[in-house]
């Protein structure tokens, strides 16, 4: 009897809307993979190579502001930093949206949250770019 009631409830439940809901889900997975790759690249280049350079007496010691500014003269560092910033922001903010959707947020509430998260994301991205721009010599 309980099985029949459950099957009736499942049939009455609204079907998920395909289309626009696919892209946030898909991009959450893509950005997660790209973040792992970019973080690995960041750690290897900015931290492991630094230790090797200090041990080989190429760098005098700790990395200071000038060393970071010199690195950012290379476009590859800018590309990695901006991609890491943008993918991490999207991944994190979309994750917050997904959590709220899991708790039942729908309709106008979803639109309000998307707008608020979009505003927070744009402000954080702008702040991050300004922080990176501080290294322009």
N, C-alpha and C. Protein backbone atom coordinates (compact mmCIF):
# COMPACT_ATOMS: atom_id res chain seq x y z
N UNK A 1 0.81 -1.20 0.00
CA UNK A 1 0.00 0.00 0.00
C UNK A 1 0.86 1.26 0.00
N UNK A 2 1.91 1.25 0.86
CA UNK A 2 2.79 2.42 0.93
C UNK A 2 3.51 2.64 -0.40
N UNK A 3 3.84 1.55 -1.08
CA UNK A 3 4.51 1.65 -2.37
C UNK A 3 3.62 2.34 -3.39
N UNK A 4 2.33 2.04 -3.39
CA UNK A 4 1.39 2.65 -4.33
C UNK A 4 1.26 4.14 -4.05
N UNK A 5 1.20 4.52 -2.76
CA UNK A 5 1.10 5.94 -2.39
C UNK A 5 2.35 6.69 -2.83
N UNK A 6 3.49 6.07 -2.64
CA UNK A 6 4.75 6.70 -3.05
C UNK A 6 4.79 6.88 -4.56
N UNK A 7 4.37 5.87 -5.30
CA UNK A 7 4.36 5.99 -6.76
C UNK A 7 3.41 7.09 -7.21
N UNK A 8 2.27 7.25 -6.54
CA UNK A 8 1.33 8.33 -6.88
C UNK A 8 1.96 9.70 -6.62
N UNK A 9 2.67 9.83 -5.52
CA UNK A 9 3.32 11.10 -5.20
C UNK A 9 4.40 11.43 -6.24
N UNK A 10 5.13 10.41 -6.65
CA UNK A 10 6.18 10.63 -7.65
C UNK A 10 5.57 11.08 -8.97
N UNK A 11 4.46 10.48 -9.37
CA UNK A 11 3.80 10.86 -10.62
C UNK A 11 3.26 12.29 -10.55
N UNK A 12 2.81 12.72 -9.36
CA UNK A 12 2.23 14.05 -9.20
C UNK A 12 3.29 15.14 -9.07
N UNK A 13 4.50 14.78 -8.73
CA UNK A 13 5.57 15.77 -8.55
C UNK A 13 5.89 16.43 -9.89
N UNK A 14 6.19 17.73 -9.85
CA UNK A 14 6.53 18.40 -11.11
C UNK A 14 7.84 17.87 -11.67
N UNK A 15 7.87 17.76 -12.98
CA UNK A 15 9.09 17.30 -13.64
C UNK A 15 10.12 18.41 -13.65
N UNK A 16 11.41 18.08 -13.52
CA UNK A 16 12.43 19.12 -13.59
C UNK A 16 12.44 19.75 -14.98
N UNK A 17 12.71 21.04 -14.99
CA UNK A 17 12.73 21.77 -16.25
C UNK A 17 14.12 21.60 -16.86
N UNK A 18 14.16 21.06 -18.06
CA UNK A 18 15.43 20.88 -18.74
C UNK A 18 15.79 22.17 -19.46
N UNK A 19 17.04 22.31 -19.80
CA UNK A 19 17.46 23.49 -20.56
C UNK A 19 18.40 24.33 -19.73
N UNK A 20 17.89 25.45 -19.19
CA UNK A 20 18.75 26.38 -18.46
C UNK A 20 19.32 25.77 -17.18
N UNK A 21 18.63 24.84 -16.57
CA UNK A 21 19.13 24.24 -15.34
C UNK A 21 20.33 23.31 -15.61
N UNK A 22 20.49 22.89 -16.85
CA UNK A 22 21.62 22.02 -17.19
C UNK A 22 22.94 22.77 -17.09
N UNK A 23 23.00 24.01 -17.56
CA UNK A 23 24.26 24.73 -17.67
C UNK A 23 24.93 25.03 -16.33
N UNK A 24 24.20 25.51 -15.31
CA UNK A 24 24.88 25.68 -14.01
C UNK A 24 25.42 24.36 -13.47
N UNK A 25 24.65 23.29 -13.64
CA UNK A 25 25.10 21.98 -13.19
C UNK A 25 26.38 21.56 -13.92
N UNK A 26 26.37 21.69 -15.24
CA UNK A 26 27.52 21.29 -16.05
C UNK A 26 28.74 22.16 -15.75
N UNK A 27 28.53 23.48 -15.68
CA UNK A 27 29.65 24.39 -15.42
C UNK A 27 30.23 24.20 -14.02
N UNK A 28 29.41 23.75 -13.07
CA UNK A 28 29.92 23.46 -11.73
C UNK A 28 30.96 22.35 -11.80
N UNK A 29 30.70 21.34 -12.62
CA UNK A 29 31.66 20.24 -12.78
C UNK A 29 32.90 20.67 -13.55
N UNK A 30 32.70 21.43 -14.62
CA UNK A 30 33.83 21.88 -15.44
C UNK A 30 34.74 22.79 -14.62
N UNK A 31 34.16 23.77 -13.91
CA UNK A 31 35.00 24.67 -13.13
C UNK A 31 35.72 23.94 -12.01
N UNK A 32 35.09 22.92 -11.44
CA UNK A 32 35.77 22.13 -10.41
C UNK A 32 37.03 21.46 -10.94
N UNK A 33 36.92 20.87 -12.12
CA UNK A 33 38.09 20.22 -12.73
C UNK A 33 39.16 21.25 -13.09
N UNK A 34 38.74 22.37 -13.67
CA UNK A 34 39.70 23.40 -14.07
C UNK A 34 40.38 24.01 -12.85
N UNK A 35 39.64 24.19 -11.75
CA UNK A 35 40.24 24.73 -10.53
C UNK A 35 41.32 23.80 -10.01
N UNK A 36 41.09 22.50 -10.03
CA UNK A 36 42.11 21.55 -9.57
C UNK A 36 43.36 21.68 -10.43
N UNK A 37 43.19 21.80 -11.74
CA UNK A 37 44.35 21.94 -12.65
C UNK A 37 45.08 23.25 -12.39
N UNK A 38 44.32 24.36 -12.29
CA UNK A 38 44.95 25.67 -12.09
C UNK A 38 45.62 25.77 -10.72
N UNK A 39 44.99 25.20 -9.69
CA UNK A 39 45.62 25.24 -8.37
C UNK A 39 46.90 24.42 -8.34
N UNK A 40 46.89 23.28 -9.01
CA UNK A 40 48.10 22.48 -9.09
C UNK A 40 49.21 23.26 -9.79
N UNK A 41 48.86 23.90 -10.90
CA UNK A 41 49.84 24.72 -11.63
C UNK A 41 50.32 25.88 -10.76
N UNK A 42 49.41 26.54 -10.05
CA UNK A 42 49.77 27.65 -9.17
C UNK A 42 50.73 27.20 -8.07
N UNK A 43 50.42 26.09 -7.43
CA UNK A 43 51.26 25.61 -6.33
C UNK A 43 52.64 25.21 -6.84
N UNK A 44 52.68 24.53 -7.96
CA UNK A 44 53.98 24.11 -8.50
C UNK A 44 54.83 25.31 -8.89
N UNK A 45 54.25 26.23 -9.64
CA UNK A 45 55.02 27.37 -10.15
C UNK A 45 55.37 28.36 -9.03
N UNK A 46 54.40 28.70 -8.20
CA UNK A 46 54.62 29.77 -7.23
C UNK A 46 55.22 29.30 -5.91
N UNK A 47 55.12 28.04 -5.58
CA UNK A 47 55.60 27.60 -4.28
C UNK A 47 56.72 26.57 -4.39
N UNK A 48 56.55 25.55 -5.18
CA UNK A 48 57.59 24.52 -5.28
C UNK A 48 58.82 25.07 -6.01
N UNK A 49 58.60 25.79 -7.11
CA UNK A 49 59.74 26.38 -7.82
C UNK A 49 60.46 27.40 -6.95
N UNK A 50 59.74 28.11 -6.10
CA UNK A 50 60.39 29.08 -5.20
C UNK A 50 61.34 28.38 -4.24
N UNK A 51 60.93 27.25 -3.70
CA UNK A 51 61.79 26.52 -2.78
C UNK A 51 63.06 26.08 -3.51
N UNK A 52 62.91 25.60 -4.73
CA UNK A 52 64.09 25.18 -5.51
C UNK A 52 64.99 26.37 -5.82
N UNK A 53 64.40 27.53 -6.14
CA UNK A 53 65.20 28.72 -6.44
C UNK A 53 65.95 29.22 -5.21
N UNK A 54 65.35 29.12 -4.03
CA UNK A 54 66.03 29.53 -2.80
C UNK A 54 67.17 28.56 -2.50
N UNK A 55 66.93 27.27 -2.67
CA UNK A 55 67.97 26.28 -2.40
C UNK A 55 69.14 26.40 -3.38
N UNK A 56 68.87 26.82 -4.62
CA UNK A 56 69.94 26.99 -5.61
C UNK A 56 70.54 28.39 -5.59
N UNK A 57 70.19 29.19 -4.61
CA UNK A 57 70.66 30.57 -4.44
C UNK A 57 70.30 31.48 -5.60
N UNK A 58 69.23 31.17 -6.32
CA UNK A 58 68.72 32.06 -7.35
C UNK A 58 67.94 33.19 -6.68
N UNK A 59 67.14 32.83 -5.69
CA UNK A 59 66.42 33.82 -4.88
C UNK A 59 67.14 33.94 -3.54
N UNK A 60 67.21 35.15 -2.99
CA UNK A 60 67.93 35.32 -1.73
C UNK A 60 67.19 34.76 -0.51
N UNK A 61 65.91 34.55 -0.60
CA UNK A 61 65.15 34.06 0.55
C UNK A 61 63.67 34.04 0.22
N UNK A 62 62.89 34.60 1.11
CA UNK A 62 61.46 34.64 0.90
C UNK A 62 61.09 35.48 -0.32
N UNK A 63 60.00 35.14 -0.94
CA UNK A 63 59.50 35.90 -2.08
C UNK A 63 58.89 37.18 -1.54
N UNK A 64 59.29 38.29 -2.11
CA UNK A 64 58.79 39.60 -1.68
C UNK A 64 57.98 40.23 -2.81
N UNK A 65 57.41 41.40 -2.54
CA UNK A 65 56.54 42.09 -3.48
C UNK A 65 57.19 42.25 -4.85
N UNK A 66 58.45 42.63 -4.89
CA UNK A 66 59.14 42.84 -6.16
C UNK A 66 59.19 41.56 -6.99
N UNK A 67 59.42 40.42 -6.33
CA UNK A 67 59.46 39.14 -7.04
C UNK A 67 58.11 38.83 -7.69
N UNK A 68 57.04 39.08 -6.95
CA UNK A 68 55.70 38.84 -7.49
C UNK A 68 55.40 39.81 -8.63
N UNK A 69 55.79 41.07 -8.46
CA UNK A 69 55.58 42.06 -9.53
C UNK A 69 56.35 41.67 -10.78
N UNK A 70 57.57 41.15 -10.61
CA UNK A 70 58.35 40.70 -11.77
C UNK A 70 57.66 39.54 -12.48
N UNK A 71 57.07 38.64 -11.72
CA UNK A 71 56.35 37.52 -12.33
C UNK A 71 55.16 37.99 -13.15
N UNK A 72 54.45 38.98 -12.63
CA UNK A 72 53.25 39.45 -13.31
C UNK A 72 53.56 40.26 -14.57
N UNK A 73 54.81 40.44 -14.89
CA UNK A 73 55.17 41.02 -16.19
C UNK A 73 54.98 39.99 -17.29
N UNK A 74 54.88 38.71 -16.92
CA UNK A 74 54.64 37.63 -17.87
C UNK A 74 53.14 37.44 -18.03
N UNK A 75 52.63 37.49 -19.27
CA UNK A 75 51.18 37.35 -19.47
C UNK A 75 50.61 36.03 -18.94
N UNK A 76 51.40 34.97 -18.93
CA UNK A 76 50.91 33.67 -18.46
C UNK A 76 50.46 33.75 -17.00
N UNK A 77 51.17 34.51 -16.18
CA UNK A 77 50.77 34.66 -14.78
C UNK A 77 49.42 35.36 -14.67
N UNK A 78 49.21 36.37 -15.51
CA UNK A 78 47.92 37.06 -15.51
C UNK A 78 46.79 36.13 -15.92
N UNK A 79 47.04 35.36 -16.96
CA UNK A 79 46.00 34.43 -17.43
C UNK A 79 45.64 33.44 -16.34
N UNK A 80 46.64 32.84 -15.71
CA UNK A 80 46.38 31.86 -14.65
C UNK A 80 45.64 32.52 -13.49
N UNK A 81 46.08 33.70 -13.06
CA UNK A 81 45.46 34.38 -11.92
C UNK A 81 44.02 34.76 -12.20
N UNK A 82 43.75 35.31 -13.38
CA UNK A 82 42.39 35.74 -13.72
C UNK A 82 41.48 34.52 -13.90
N UNK A 83 41.97 33.48 -14.53
CA UNK A 83 41.16 32.26 -14.68
C UNK A 83 40.85 31.64 -13.32
N UNK A 84 41.85 31.57 -12.47
CA UNK A 84 41.64 30.99 -11.14
C UNK A 84 40.64 31.83 -10.34
N UNK A 85 40.76 33.14 -10.42
CA UNK A 85 39.82 34.02 -9.73
C UNK A 85 38.40 33.83 -10.26
N UNK A 86 38.23 33.86 -11.56
CA UNK A 86 36.89 33.78 -12.13
C UNK A 86 36.26 32.40 -11.93
N UNK A 87 37.02 31.33 -12.13
CA UNK A 87 36.46 29.99 -11.95
C UNK A 87 36.14 29.71 -10.48
N UNK A 88 37.00 30.15 -9.56
CA UNK A 88 36.73 29.93 -8.15
C UNK A 88 35.50 30.71 -7.70
N UNK A 89 35.35 31.94 -8.17
CA UNK A 89 34.16 32.71 -7.83
C UNK A 89 32.90 32.05 -8.36
N UNK A 90 32.91 31.67 -9.62
CA UNK A 90 31.72 31.03 -10.19
C UNK A 90 31.40 29.75 -9.44
N UNK A 91 32.41 28.93 -9.21
CA UNK A 91 32.21 27.63 -8.56
C UNK A 91 31.63 27.82 -7.15
N UNK A 92 32.19 28.74 -6.40
CA UNK A 92 31.73 28.97 -5.03
C UNK A 92 30.32 29.54 -4.97
N UNK A 93 30.06 30.56 -5.78
CA UNK A 93 28.75 31.20 -5.75
C UNK A 93 27.67 30.29 -6.34
N UNK A 94 27.99 29.55 -7.37
CA UNK A 94 27.04 28.59 -7.92
C UNK A 94 26.78 27.46 -6.91
N UNK A 95 27.78 27.11 -6.14
CA UNK A 95 27.60 26.12 -5.09
C UNK A 95 26.62 26.61 -4.02
N UNK A 96 26.71 27.88 -3.65
CA UNK A 96 25.75 28.46 -2.71
C UNK A 96 24.35 28.39 -3.29
N UNK A 97 24.20 28.74 -4.55
CA UNK A 97 22.89 28.68 -5.22
C UNK A 97 22.36 27.24 -5.21
N UNK A 98 23.23 26.27 -5.49
CA UNK A 98 22.81 24.87 -5.50
C UNK A 98 22.34 24.41 -4.12
N UNK A 99 23.02 24.85 -3.07
CA UNK A 99 22.60 24.50 -1.71
C UNK A 99 21.21 25.06 -1.44
N UNK A 100 20.99 26.32 -1.82
CA UNK A 100 19.67 26.93 -1.60
C UNK A 100 18.59 26.23 -2.42
N UNK A 101 18.93 25.79 -3.63
CA UNK A 101 17.96 25.03 -4.43
C UNK A 101 17.64 23.70 -3.76
N UNK A 102 18.63 23.07 -3.15
CA UNK A 102 18.38 21.81 -2.45
C UNK A 102 17.44 22.00 -1.27
N UNK A 103 17.45 23.19 -0.69
CA UNK A 103 16.54 23.47 0.43
C UNK A 103 15.18 23.95 -0.04
N UNK A 104 14.94 23.94 -1.35
CA UNK A 104 13.60 24.21 -1.86
C UNK A 104 13.38 25.59 -2.42
N UNK A 105 14.40 26.36 -2.59
CA UNK A 105 14.24 27.70 -3.16
C UNK A 105 13.80 27.59 -4.61
N UNK A 106 12.72 28.26 -4.97
CA UNK A 106 12.20 28.18 -6.33
C UNK A 106 11.62 29.53 -6.74
N UNK A 107 11.36 29.68 -8.00
CA UNK A 107 10.63 30.83 -8.54
C UNK A 107 11.33 32.16 -8.32
N UNK A 108 10.59 33.11 -7.77
CA UNK A 108 11.11 34.46 -7.58
C UNK A 108 12.28 34.47 -6.59
N UNK A 109 12.23 33.62 -5.58
CA UNK A 109 13.34 33.53 -4.63
C UNK A 109 14.63 33.13 -5.30
N UNK A 110 14.55 32.21 -6.25
CA UNK A 110 15.73 31.79 -7.00
C UNK A 110 16.28 32.95 -7.83
N UNK A 111 15.40 33.69 -8.44
CA UNK A 111 15.84 34.84 -9.25
C UNK A 111 16.50 35.92 -8.39
N UNK A 112 15.95 36.16 -7.21
CA UNK A 112 16.53 37.15 -6.31
C UNK A 112 17.92 36.70 -5.86
N UNK A 113 18.04 35.42 -5.51
CA UNK A 113 19.34 34.89 -5.07
C UNK A 113 20.35 34.96 -6.21
N UNK A 114 19.94 34.62 -7.43
CA UNK A 114 20.84 34.70 -8.58
C UNK A 114 21.33 36.13 -8.76
N UNK A 115 20.41 37.09 -8.66
CA UNK A 115 20.80 38.50 -8.79
C UNK A 115 21.76 38.94 -7.70
N UNK A 116 21.49 38.53 -6.47
CA UNK A 116 22.37 38.90 -5.36
C UNK A 116 23.75 38.25 -5.52
N UNK A 117 23.77 36.97 -5.88
CA UNK A 117 25.05 36.29 -6.07
C UNK A 117 25.82 36.86 -7.26
N UNK A 118 25.10 37.27 -8.29
CA UNK A 118 25.74 37.91 -9.43
C UNK A 118 26.39 39.22 -9.01
N UNK A 119 25.69 39.99 -8.19
CA UNK A 119 26.25 41.25 -7.68
C UNK A 119 27.48 41.02 -6.82
N UNK A 120 27.39 40.04 -5.92
CA UNK A 120 28.54 39.70 -5.07
C UNK A 120 29.71 39.22 -5.92
N UNK A 121 29.42 38.40 -6.91
CA UNK A 121 30.48 37.89 -7.79
C UNK A 121 31.15 38.99 -8.58
N UNK A 122 30.36 39.91 -9.12
CA UNK A 122 30.97 41.01 -9.88
C UNK A 122 31.81 41.91 -8.98
N UNK A 123 31.34 42.18 -7.77
CA UNK A 123 32.11 43.00 -6.84
C UNK A 123 33.41 42.29 -6.43
N UNK A 124 33.32 41.00 -6.15
CA UNK A 124 34.51 40.24 -5.76
C UNK A 124 35.51 40.14 -6.92
N UNK A 125 35.00 39.95 -8.13
CA UNK A 125 35.88 39.88 -9.30
C UNK A 125 36.59 41.22 -9.50
N UNK A 126 35.84 42.31 -9.39
CA UNK A 126 36.44 43.64 -9.54
C UNK A 126 37.51 43.86 -8.47
N UNK A 127 37.19 43.52 -7.24
CA UNK A 127 38.15 43.66 -6.15
C UNK A 127 39.39 42.81 -6.40
N UNK A 128 39.21 41.59 -6.91
CA UNK A 128 40.34 40.72 -7.20
C UNK A 128 41.23 41.27 -8.32
N UNK A 129 40.60 41.80 -9.35
CA UNK A 129 41.38 42.41 -10.46
C UNK A 129 42.16 43.62 -9.96
N UNK A 130 41.52 44.44 -9.12
CA UNK A 130 42.22 45.60 -8.55
C UNK A 130 43.42 45.13 -7.72
N UNK A 131 43.24 44.05 -6.96
CA UNK A 131 44.35 43.50 -6.18
C UNK A 131 45.47 42.99 -7.07
N UNK A 132 45.13 42.34 -8.16
CA UNK A 132 46.16 41.87 -9.09
C UNK A 132 46.84 43.04 -9.81
N UNK A 133 46.06 44.07 -10.10
CA UNK A 133 46.61 45.23 -10.81
C UNK A 133 47.63 45.97 -9.97
N UNK A 134 47.62 45.76 -8.66
CA UNK A 134 48.61 46.41 -7.78
C UNK A 134 50.03 45.96 -8.12
N UNK A 135 50.15 44.81 -8.78
CA UNK A 135 51.46 44.30 -9.12
C UNK A 135 52.00 44.82 -10.46
N UNK A 136 51.23 45.67 -11.14
CA UNK A 136 51.72 46.24 -12.39
C UNK A 136 52.80 47.26 -12.05
N UNK A 137 53.95 47.06 -12.66
CA UNK A 137 55.08 47.96 -12.35
C UNK A 137 54.93 49.30 -13.01
